[in-house]
Amino acid sequence: MNAEVFLDTNVLLYSISKLPEEAVKQRIADTLATTLAFGTSAQVC
């Protein structure tokens, strides 16, 4: 499977956020996470 885009893990965290102050970010992140073929990567220290 090829990824269309790379999503930062923060986007994935926003997609499951229940905080009222993050409602706009949550909707956008959820849309991205559910409509795109995305990839992620492990952070290397």
C-alpha atoms as a PDB file:
ATOM      1  CA  MET A   1       0.000   0.000   0.000  1.00  0.00           C
ATOM      2  CA  ASN A   2       1.293   3.443  -0.882  1.00  0.00           C
ATOM      3  CA  ALA A   3       0.566   6.389   1.358  1.00  0.00           C
ATOM      4  CA  GLU A   4      -0.951   9.530  -0.170  1.00  0.00           C
ATOM      5  CA  VAL A   5       0.311  11.665   2.709  1.00  0.00           C
ATOM      6  CA  PHE A   6       2.356  11.523   5.891  1.00  0.00           C
ATOM      7  CA  LEU A   7       0.427  12.340   9.073  1.00  0.00           C
ATOM      8  CA  ASP A   8       2.241  13.451  12.176  1.00  0.00           C
ATOM      9  CA  THR A   9       1.186  11.548  15.286  1.00  0.00           C
ATOM     10  CA  ASN A  10      -0.251  14.795  16.691  1.00  0.00           C
ATOM     11  CA  VAL A  11      -2.894  14.653  13.959  1.00  0.00           C
ATOM     12  CA  LEU A  12      -3.858  11.171  15.092  1.00  0.00           C
ATOM     13  CA  LEU A  13      -4.061  12.354  18.705  1.00  0.00           C
ATOM     14  CA  TYR A  14      -6.246  15.317  17.738  1.00  0.00           C
ATOM     15  CA  SER A  15      -8.548  12.949  15.849  1.00  0.00           C
ATOM     16  CA  ILE A  16      -9.515  11.248  19.122  1.00  0.00           C
ATOM     17  CA  SER A  17      -9.531  14.363  21.296  1.00  0.00           C
ATOM     18  CA  LYS A  18     -12.662  15.015  23.378  1.00  0.00           C
ATOM     19  CA  LEU A  19     -11.574  18.450  24.634  1.00  0.00           C
ATOM     20  CA  PRO A  20     -14.032  21.212  23.664  1.00  0.00           C
ATOM     21  CA  GLU A  21     -11.216  23.659  22.891  1.00  0.00           C
ATOM     22  CA  GLU A  22      -9.828  21.229  20.289  1.00  0.00           C
ATOM     23  CA  ALA A  23     -13.150  20.584  18.517  1.00  0.00           C
ATOM     24  CA  VAL A  24     -12.132  22.226  15.227  1.00  0.00           C
ATOM     25  CA  LYS A  25      -8.774  20.432  15.190  1.00  0.00           C
ATOM     26  CA  GLN A  26     -10.526  17.168  16.056  1.00  0.00           C
ATOM     27  CA  ARG A  27     -12.943  17.424  13.110  1.00  0.00           C
ATOM     28  CA  ILE A  28     -10.167  18.253  10.648  1.00  0.00           C
ATOM     29  CA  ALA A  29      -7.866  15.527  11.967  1.00  0.00           C
ATOM     30  CA  ASP A  30     -10.677  12.959  11.929  1.00  0.00           C
ATOM     31  CA  THR A  31     -11.494  13.821   8.319  1.00  0.00           C
ATOM     32  CA  LEU A  32      -7.846  13.442   7.315  1.00  0.00           C
ATOM     33  CA  ALA A  33      -7.403  10.167   9.188  1.00  0.00           C
ATOM     34  CA  THR A  34     -10.551   8.593   7.757  1.00  0.00           C
ATOM     35  CA  THR A  35     -10.398   9.746   4.134  1.00  0.00           C
ATOM     36  CA  LEU A  36      -6.725   9.530   3.158  1.00  0.00           C
ATOM     37  CA  ALA A  37      -4.342   6.636   2.695  1.00  0.00           C
ATOM     38  CA  PHE A  38      -1.786   7.920   5.190  1.00  0.00           C
ATOM     39  CA  GLY A  39       1.536   6.791   6.521  1.00  0.00           C
ATOM     40  CA  THR A  40       3.308   7.414   9.810  1.00  0.00           C
ATOM     41  CA  SER A  41       6.834   6.836  10.999  1.00  0.00           C
ATOM     42  CA  ALA A  42       8.495   6.027  14.263  1.00  0.00           C
ATOM     43  CA  GLN A  43      10.396   8.849  15.897  1.00  0.00           C
ATOM     44  CA  VAL A  44      14.134   8.291  15.926  1.00  0.00           C
ATOM     45  CA  CYS A  45      16.079   9.807  18.789  1.00  0.00           C
END
